[in-house]
Amino acid sequence: MVPTGSWLLLQRWWITAPLAAGVVVWWWLFLVLVPRAYQHDQSEV
């Protein structure tokens, strides 16, 4: 939603691309890495 809004308002790819990359990194961090680390910690107990 943020990258789409940025593109619709500003129409500048050099602003939209970093915003989109930030969203992808955020999703990857909290939807892939954190659950994997949590599962790894739970399996050690």
C-alpha atoms as a PDB file:
ATOM      1  CA  MET A   1       0.000   0.000   0.000  1.00  0.00           C
ATOM      2  CA  VAL A   2       2.827   2.413   0.846  1.00  0.00           C
ATOM      3  CA  PRO A   3       4.719   1.851  -2.417  1.00  0.00           C
ATOM      4  CA  THR A   4       1.502   2.144  -4.413  1.00  0.00           C
ATOM      5  CA  GLY A   5       0.564   5.359  -2.634  1.00  0.00           C
ATOM      6  CA  SER A   6       4.049   6.726  -3.168  1.00  0.00           C
ATOM      7  CA  TRP A   7       3.875   5.961  -6.871  1.00  0.00           C
ATOM      8  CA  LEU A   8       0.384   7.406  -7.295  1.00  0.00           C
ATOM      9  CA  LEU A   9       1.255  10.623  -5.455  1.00  0.00           C
ATOM     10  CA  LEU A  10       4.820  11.259  -6.569  1.00  0.00           C
ATOM     11  CA  GLN A  11       5.371   9.104  -9.670  1.00  0.00           C
ATOM     12  CA  ARG A  12       9.072   8.897  -8.913  1.00  0.00           C
ATOM     13  CA  TRP A  13      10.598   5.414  -9.144  1.00  0.00           C
ATOM     14  CA  TRP A  14      13.657   6.464  -7.124  1.00  0.00           C
ATOM     15  CA  ILE A  15      11.399   7.156  -4.138  1.00  0.00           C
ATOM     16  CA  THR A  16       9.029   4.231  -4.674  1.00  0.00           C
ATOM     17  CA  ALA A  17      11.733   1.575  -5.162  1.00  0.00           C
ATOM     18  CA  PRO A  18      13.406   2.057  -1.741  1.00  0.00           C
ATOM     19  CA  LEU A  19      10.008   2.123  -0.052  1.00  0.00           C
ATOM     20  CA  ALA A  20       9.038  -1.133  -1.752  1.00  0.00           C
ATOM     21  CA  ALA A  21      12.390  -2.675  -0.819  1.00  0.00           C
ATOM     22  CA  GLY A  22      11.872  -1.610   2.787  1.00  0.00           C
ATOM     23  CA  VAL A  23       8.473  -3.280   2.868  1.00  0.00           C
ATOM     24  CA  VAL A  24       9.886  -6.495   1.392  1.00  0.00           C
ATOM     25  CA  VAL A  25      12.728  -6.540   3.920  1.00  0.00           C
ATOM     26  CA  TRP A  26      10.275  -5.901   6.787  1.00  0.00           C
ATOM     27  CA  TRP A  27       8.013  -8.753   5.647  1.00  0.00           C
ATOM     28  CA  TRP A  28      10.973 -11.088   5.209  1.00  0.00           C
ATOM     29  CA  LEU A  29      12.263 -10.238   8.675  1.00  0.00           C
ATOM     30  CA  PHE A  30       9.007 -10.746  10.539  1.00  0.00           C
ATOM     31  CA  LEU A  31       7.361 -13.425   8.398  1.00  0.00           C
ATOM     32  CA  VAL A  32      10.417 -15.604   7.732  1.00  0.00           C
ATOM     33  CA  LEU A  33      13.321 -14.944  10.084  1.00  0.00           C
ATOM     34  CA  VAL A  34      11.523 -14.343  13.377  1.00  0.00           C
ATOM     35  CA  PRO A  35       9.240 -17.418  13.125  1.00  0.00           C
ATOM     36  CA  ARG A  36      12.235 -19.553  12.084  1.00  0.00           C
ATOM     37  CA  ALA A  37      14.269 -18.322  15.059  1.00  0.00           C
ATOM     38  CA  TYR A  38      11.320 -18.878  17.407  1.00  0.00           C
ATOM     39  CA  GLN A  39      10.812 -22.418  16.100  1.00  0.00           C
ATOM     40  CA  HIS A  40      14.538 -23.106  16.461  1.00  0.00           C
ATOM     41  CA  ASP A  41      14.481 -21.857  20.073  1.00  0.00           C
ATOM     42  CA  GLN A  42      11.432 -23.974  20.884  1.00  0.00           C
ATOM     43  CA  SER A  43      13.012 -27.123  19.473  1.00  0.00           C
ATOM     44  CA  GLU A  44      16.050 -26.749  21.768  1.00  0.00           C
ATOM     45  CA  VAL A  45      13.946 -26.849  24.951  1.00  0.00           C
END
